[in-house]
Amino acid sequence: MKKFAIAAATATALTLTMANAAFAQSEATQAPLMLAAGEMTQAKEATSDTWITTKVKSDLVTEKGIPGTDIKVETNKGVVSLSSTTAVTESQKATAVAITKKIKGVKAVSADGLKAE
């Protein structure tokens, strides 16, 4: 019985030692997980552009006198492009541009795609 206990203890100790060695070796060979600065900047820009687009669209839709549902909004690095397949008046176009310029994060507005009557 004593021999069995000693053998079991030895086997357990060897197993744990080998497991620790294998674990340590696999940790040493794994590359550290790092984010490149450029990838983080792109993610922030994409989030910011998405937020700007959503905010512009919601503000245009809720503004009376503007066909907000007909105006397409695209944002790239803070530059917002407004376009529409339906005609808008010069006043509606000016109002849409003014609303868009007031939104935080907007660097410039292009309304060349809005067809004016």
N, C-alpha and C. Protein backbone atom coordinates (compact mmCIF):
# COMPACT_ATOMS: atom_id res chain seq x y z
N MET A 1 0.82 -1.19 0.00
CA MET A 1 0.00 0.00 0.00
C MET A 1 0.87 1.25 0.00
N LYS A 2 1.96 1.20 0.79
CA LYS A 2 2.86 2.34 0.85
C LYS A 2 3.49 2.60 -0.51
N LYS A 3 3.86 1.52 -1.22
CA LYS A 3 4.48 1.66 -2.54
C LYS A 3 3.52 2.32 -3.52
N PHE A 4 2.25 1.94 -3.41
CA PHE A 4 1.23 2.53 -4.30
C PHE A 4 1.08 4.02 -4.04
N ALA A 5 1.05 4.43 -2.80
CA ALA A 5 0.92 5.84 -2.44
C ALA A 5 2.12 6.63 -2.92
N ILE A 6 3.30 6.06 -2.76
CA ILE A 6 4.52 6.74 -3.22
C ILE A 6 4.50 6.85 -4.74
N ALA A 7 4.11 5.80 -5.42
CA ALA A 7 4.04 5.82 -6.89
C ALA A 7 3.02 6.84 -7.37
N ALA A 8 1.86 6.92 -6.71
CA ALA A 8 0.82 7.88 -7.10
C ALA A 8 1.29 9.30 -6.87
N ALA A 9 1.95 9.55 -5.76
CA ALA A 9 2.46 10.89 -5.45
C ALA A 9 3.54 11.29 -6.45
N THR A 10 4.39 10.35 -6.80
CA THR A 10 5.45 10.63 -7.77
C THR A 10 4.86 10.92 -9.14
N ALA A 11 3.87 10.12 -9.54
CA ALA A 11 3.22 10.34 -10.85
C ALA A 11 2.53 11.69 -10.88
N THR A 12 1.85 12.07 -9.82
CA THR A 12 1.18 13.37 -9.75
C THR A 12 2.19 14.51 -9.83
N ALA A 13 3.28 14.38 -9.09
CA ALA A 13 4.32 15.41 -9.10
C ALA A 13 4.93 15.57 -10.49
N LEU A 14 5.21 14.46 -11.13
CA LEU A 14 5.78 14.51 -12.48
C LEU A 14 4.80 15.12 -13.47
N THR A 15 3.53 14.75 -13.34
CA THR A 15 2.50 15.29 -14.25
C THR A 15 2.40 16.80 -14.09
N LEU A 16 2.36 17.27 -12.85
CA LEU A 16 2.27 18.71 -12.61
C LEU A 16 3.50 19.45 -13.12
N THR A 17 4.67 18.86 -12.90
CA THR A 17 5.91 19.46 -13.37
C THR A 17 5.92 19.57 -14.89
N MET A 18 5.52 18.50 -15.56
CA MET A 18 5.51 18.50 -17.02
C MET A 18 4.45 19.47 -17.55
N ALA A 19 3.32 19.53 -16.87
CA ALA A 19 2.26 20.45 -17.30
C ALA A 19 2.71 21.90 -17.16
N ASN A 20 3.36 22.21 -16.03
CA ASN A 20 3.87 23.56 -15.83
C ASN A 20 4.91 23.93 -16.88
N ALA A 21 5.77 23.00 -17.19
CA ALA A 21 6.80 23.25 -18.20
C ALA A 21 6.17 23.48 -19.57
N ALA A 22 5.19 22.67 -19.90
CA ALA A 22 4.51 22.82 -21.19
C ALA A 22 3.76 24.14 -21.25
N PHE A 23 3.10 24.51 -20.16
CA PHE A 23 2.35 25.77 -20.10
C PHE A 23 3.30 26.96 -20.24
N ALA A 24 4.42 26.92 -19.52
CA ALA A 24 5.39 28.00 -19.57
C ALA A 24 5.96 28.14 -20.98
N GLN A 25 6.21 27.01 -21.63
CA GLN A 25 6.76 27.05 -22.98
C GLN A 25 5.75 27.64 -23.95
N SER A 26 4.47 27.28 -23.84
CA SER A 26 3.47 27.81 -24.77
C SER A 26 3.27 29.30 -24.55
N GLU A 27 3.40 29.77 -23.30
CA GLU A 27 3.27 31.20 -23.03
C GLU A 27 4.43 31.96 -23.65
N ALA A 28 5.62 31.39 -23.59
CA ALA A 28 6.80 32.07 -24.11
C ALA A 28 6.75 32.19 -25.63
N THR A 29 6.10 31.25 -26.30
CA THR A 29 6.08 31.27 -27.75
C THR A 29 4.94 32.12 -28.31
N GLN A 30 3.98 32.50 -27.46
CA GLN A 30 2.87 33.32 -27.95
C GLN A 30 3.31 34.78 -28.03
N ALA A 31 2.96 35.42 -29.12
CA ALA A 31 3.29 36.83 -29.28
C ALA A 31 2.33 37.66 -28.43
N PRO A 32 2.81 38.73 -27.87
CA PRO A 32 1.92 39.57 -27.06
C PRO A 32 0.86 40.22 -27.96
N LEU A 33 -0.32 40.38 -27.40
CA LEU A 33 -1.43 40.97 -28.15
C LEU A 33 -1.31 42.48 -28.07
N MET A 34 -1.11 43.10 -29.23
CA MET A 34 -0.93 44.55 -29.25
C MET A 34 -1.79 45.14 -30.36
N LEU A 35 -2.29 46.35 -30.13
CA LEU A 35 -3.04 47.07 -31.15
C LEU A 35 -2.12 48.12 -31.76
N ALA A 36 -2.07 48.16 -33.06
CA ALA A 36 -1.28 49.19 -33.72
C ALA A 36 -2.00 50.52 -33.57
N ALA A 37 -1.25 51.57 -33.44
CA ALA A 37 -1.84 52.90 -33.24
C ALA A 37 -2.73 53.29 -34.41
N GLY A 38 -2.34 52.93 -35.62
CA GLY A 38 -3.12 53.26 -36.80
C GLY A 38 -4.48 52.58 -36.80
N GLU A 39 -4.53 51.33 -36.34
CA GLU A 39 -5.79 50.61 -36.29
C GLU A 39 -6.73 51.25 -35.29
N MET A 40 -6.20 51.71 -34.17
CA MET A 40 -7.02 52.35 -33.15
C MET A 40 -7.57 53.67 -33.68
N THR A 41 -6.77 54.43 -34.39
CA THR A 41 -7.21 55.68 -34.97
C THR A 41 -8.32 55.44 -35.99
N GLN A 42 -8.16 54.41 -36.82
CA GLN A 42 -9.19 54.09 -37.81
C GLN A 42 -10.49 53.70 -37.14
N ALA A 43 -10.40 52.98 -36.07
CA ALA A 43 -11.61 52.57 -35.35
C ALA A 43 -12.32 53.78 -34.76
N LYS A 44 -11.55 54.71 -34.20
CA LYS A 44 -12.15 55.93 -33.64
C LYS A 44 -12.79 56.76 -34.75
N GLU A 45 -12.10 56.89 -35.90
CA GLU A 45 -12.66 57.65 -37.02
C GLU A 45 -13.95 57.02 -37.52
N ALA A 46 -13.96 55.70 -37.65
CA ALA A 46 -15.15 55.02 -38.13
C ALA A 46 -16.31 55.23 -37.17
N THR A 47 -16.04 55.14 -35.89
CA THR A 47 -17.08 55.36 -34.90
C THR A 47 -17.55 56.80 -34.95
N SER A 48 -16.62 57.71 -35.04
CA SER A 48 -16.97 59.12 -35.09
C SER A 48 -17.77 59.44 -36.35
N ASP A 49 -17.35 58.91 -37.49
CA ASP A 49 -18.07 59.14 -38.74
C ASP A 49 -19.47 58.55 -38.69
N THR A 50 -19.59 57.39 -38.11
CA THR A 50 -20.91 56.76 -37.98
C THR A 50 -21.81 57.60 -37.08
N TRP A 51 -21.24 58.08 -35.99
CA TRP A 51 -22.01 58.91 -35.07
C TRP A 51 -22.46 60.19 -35.75
N ILE A 52 -21.54 60.84 -36.48
CA ILE A 52 -21.88 62.08 -37.18
C ILE A 52 -22.99 61.83 -38.19
N THR A 53 -22.87 60.79 -38.99
CA THR A 53 -23.89 60.47 -39.99
C THR A 53 -25.26 60.27 -39.33
N THR A 54 -25.28 59.53 -38.25
CA THR A 54 -26.54 59.26 -37.55
C THR A 54 -27.13 60.55 -36.98
N LYS A 55 -26.29 61.37 -36.40
CA LYS A 55 -26.76 62.63 -35.80
C LYS A 55 -27.28 63.58 -36.87
N VAL A 56 -26.57 63.72 -37.98
CA VAL A 56 -27.03 64.58 -39.08
C VAL A 56 -28.36 64.09 -39.60
N LYS A 57 -28.44 62.80 -39.86
CA LYS A 57 -29.68 62.22 -40.41
C LYS A 57 -30.85 62.47 -39.47
N SER A 58 -30.66 62.22 -38.18
CA SER A 58 -31.76 62.41 -37.23
C SER A 58 -32.17 63.88 -37.12
N ASP A 59 -31.19 64.78 -37.15
CA ASP A 59 -31.52 66.21 -37.08
C ASP A 59 -32.25 66.68 -38.34
N LEU A 60 -31.88 66.15 -39.49
CA LEU A 60 -32.55 66.54 -40.75
C LEU A 60 -33.97 65.99 -40.80
N VAL A 61 -34.16 64.79 -40.31
CA VAL A 61 -35.49 64.17 -40.33
C VAL A 61 -36.45 64.92 -39.40
N THR A 62 -35.94 65.39 -38.27
CA THR A 62 -36.81 66.07 -37.30
C THR A 62 -37.03 67.54 -37.61
N GLU A 63 -36.29 68.09 -38.55
CA GLU A 63 -36.46 69.50 -38.92
C GLU A 63 -37.66 69.67 -39.85
N LYS A 64 -38.56 70.56 -39.46
CA LYS A 64 -39.74 70.81 -40.30
C LYS A 64 -39.33 71.59 -41.54
N GLY A 65 -39.96 71.26 -42.64
CA GLY A 65 -39.72 71.97 -43.89
C GLY A 65 -38.58 71.41 -44.73
N ILE A 66 -37.95 70.35 -44.25
CA ILE A 66 -36.85 69.72 -45.00
C ILE A 66 -37.24 68.27 -45.26
N PRO A 67 -37.05 67.80 -46.51
CA PRO A 67 -37.34 66.39 -46.79
C PRO A 67 -36.20 65.49 -46.28
N GLY A 68 -36.05 65.41 -44.97
CA GLY A 68 -34.94 64.70 -44.34
C GLY A 68 -34.84 63.24 -44.71
N THR A 69 -36.00 62.61 -44.95
CA THR A 69 -35.97 61.19 -45.32
C THR A 69 -35.44 60.98 -46.74
N ASP A 70 -35.47 62.03 -47.54
CA ASP A 70 -34.97 61.92 -48.92
C ASP A 70 -33.50 62.31 -49.06
N ILE A 71 -32.91 62.82 -48.00
CA ILE A 71 -31.51 63.27 -48.07
C ILE A 71 -30.59 62.15 -47.59
N LYS A 72 -29.63 61.82 -48.44
CA LYS A 72 -28.63 60.80 -48.10
C LYS A 72 -27.44 61.50 -47.44
N VAL A 73 -26.95 60.91 -46.35
CA VAL A 73 -25.84 61.49 -45.60
C VAL A 73 -24.69 60.50 -45.57
N GLU A 74 -23.51 60.96 -45.96
CA GLU A 74 -22.30 60.14 -45.90
C GLU A 74 -21.20 60.96 -45.23
N THR A 75 -20.42 60.32 -44.37
CA THR A 75 -19.36 61.02 -43.66
C THR A 75 -18.05 60.26 -43.83
N ASN A 76 -16.99 61.00 -44.14
CA ASN A 76 -15.66 60.42 -44.29
C ASN A 76 -14.66 61.35 -43.63
N LYS A 77 -14.09 60.91 -42.50
CA LYS A 77 -13.12 61.68 -41.74
C LYS A 77 -13.65 63.06 -41.36
N GLY A 78 -14.92 63.12 -40.99
CA GLY A 78 -15.53 64.36 -40.53
C GLY A 78 -16.11 65.23 -41.63
N VAL A 79 -15.91 64.85 -42.89
CA VAL A 79 -16.46 65.61 -44.02
C VAL A 79 -17.79 64.96 -44.40
N VAL A 80 -18.86 65.75 -44.30
CA VAL A 80 -20.21 65.24 -44.55
C VAL A 80 -20.65 65.61 -45.96
N SER A 81 -21.16 64.62 -46.69
CA SER A 81 -21.69 64.84 -48.04
C SER A 81 -23.20 64.61 -47.98
N LEU A 82 -23.95 65.61 -48.46
CA LEU A 82 -25.40 65.51 -48.52
C LEU A 82 -25.80 65.35 -49.98
N SER A 83 -26.72 64.43 -50.24
CA SER A 83 -27.21 64.23 -51.60
C SER A 83 -28.66 63.82 -51.54
N SER A 84 -29.33 63.98 -52.68
CA SER A 84 -30.75 63.62 -52.74
C SER A 84 -31.14 63.34 -54.17
N THR A 85 -32.09 62.44 -54.34
CA THR A 85 -32.62 62.17 -55.68
C THR A 85 -33.82 63.05 -55.97
N THR A 86 -34.39 63.65 -54.92
CA THR A 86 -35.51 64.57 -55.11
C THR A 86 -34.99 66.00 -55.00
N ALA A 87 -35.63 66.90 -55.70
CA ALA A 87 -35.21 68.30 -55.70
C ALA A 87 -35.60 68.98 -54.38
N VAL A 88 -34.71 69.87 -53.93
CA VAL A 88 -34.97 70.69 -52.74
C VAL A 88 -34.81 72.15 -53.14
N THR A 89 -35.41 73.02 -52.36
CA THR A 89 -35.27 74.46 -52.65
C THR A 89 -33.92 74.93 -52.14
N GLU A 90 -33.51 76.10 -52.59
CA GLU A 90 -32.23 76.67 -52.12
C GLU A 90 -32.30 76.91 -50.61
N SER A 91 -33.46 77.30 -50.12
CA SER A 91 -33.65 77.53 -48.69
C SER A 91 -33.49 76.23 -47.91
N GLN A 92 -34.08 75.15 -48.41
CA GLN A 92 -33.96 73.85 -47.75
C GLN A 92 -32.51 73.36 -47.77
N LYS A 93 -31.83 73.60 -48.88
CA LYS A 93 -30.43 73.21 -49.01
C LYS A 93 -29.58 73.98 -47.99
N ALA A 94 -29.81 75.28 -47.88
CA ALA A 94 -29.05 76.12 -46.95
C ALA A 94 -29.33 75.70 -45.50
N THR A 95 -30.57 75.38 -45.19
CA THR A 95 -30.93 74.94 -43.85
C THR A 95 -30.26 73.61 -43.52
N ALA A 96 -30.28 72.68 -44.47
CA ALA A 96 -29.64 71.37 -44.27
C ALA A 96 -28.15 71.52 -44.00
N VAL A 97 -27.50 72.41 -44.74
CA VAL A 97 -26.06 72.64 -44.56
C VAL A 97 -25.81 73.28 -43.19
N ALA A 98 -26.65 74.25 -42.81
CA ALA A 98 -26.49 74.93 -41.51
C ALA A 98 -26.66 73.95 -40.35
N ILE A 99 -27.66 73.08 -40.44
CA ILE A 99 -27.89 72.06 -39.40
C ILE A 99 -26.68 71.14 -39.29
N THR A 100 -26.17 70.72 -40.42
CA THR A 100 -25.04 69.79 -40.46
C THR A 100 -23.78 70.42 -39.87
N LYS A 101 -23.52 71.69 -40.18
CA LYS A 101 -22.31 72.36 -39.69
C LYS A 101 -22.31 72.52 -38.17
N LYS A 102 -23.48 72.55 -37.54
CA LYS A 102 -23.56 72.74 -36.09
C LYS A 102 -23.21 71.49 -35.30
N ILE A 103 -23.14 70.36 -35.96
CA ILE A 103 -22.92 69.08 -35.26
C ILE A 103 -21.44 68.91 -34.92
N LYS A 104 -21.21 68.51 -33.68
CA LYS A 104 -19.85 68.30 -33.19
C LYS A 104 -19.13 67.25 -34.04
N GLY A 105 -17.90 67.57 -34.44
CA GLY A 105 -17.09 66.63 -35.20
C GLY A 105 -17.12 66.86 -36.70
N VAL A 106 -18.07 67.68 -37.16
CA VAL A 106 -18.16 67.96 -38.61
C VAL A 106 -17.07 68.96 -38.98
N LYS A 107 -16.22 68.57 -39.92
CA LYS A 107 -15.13 69.44 -40.36
C LYS A 107 -15.53 70.26 -41.58
N ALA A 108 -16.33 69.66 -42.46
CA ALA A 108 -16.78 70.36 -43.67
C ALA A 108 -18.05 69.71 -44.17
N VAL A 109 -18.81 70.46 -44.98
CA VAL A 109 -20.06 69.95 -45.53
C VAL A 109 -20.05 70.17 -47.04
N SER A 110 -20.39 69.12 -47.78
CA SER A 110 -20.53 69.22 -49.23
C SER A 110 -22.00 68.92 -49.56
N ALA A 111 -22.66 69.90 -50.13
CA ALA A 111 -24.06 69.73 -50.50
C ALA A 111 -24.22 69.73 -52.03
N ASP A 112 -23.13 69.42 -52.74
CA ASP A 112 -23.18 69.39 -54.21
C ASP A 112 -24.16 68.36 -54.72
N GLY A 113 -24.41 67.33 -53.94
CA GLY A 113 -25.33 66.27 -54.36
C GLY A 113 -26.79 66.58 -54.14
N LEU A 114 -27.09 67.72 -53.51
CA LEU A 114 -28.49 68.11 -53.32
C LEU A 114 -28.95 68.87 -54.55
N LYS A 115 -29.98 68.33 -55.19
CA LYS A 115 -30.52 68.96 -56.39
C LYS A 115 -31.42 70.11 -55.96
N ALA A 116 -31.08 71.29 -56.36
CA ALA A 116 -31.90 72.47 -56.03
C ALA A 116 -32.86 72.77 -57.15
N GLU A 117 -34.06 73.21 -56.77
CA GLU A 117 -35.09 73.56 -57.78
C GLU A 117 -34.76 74.86 -58.45
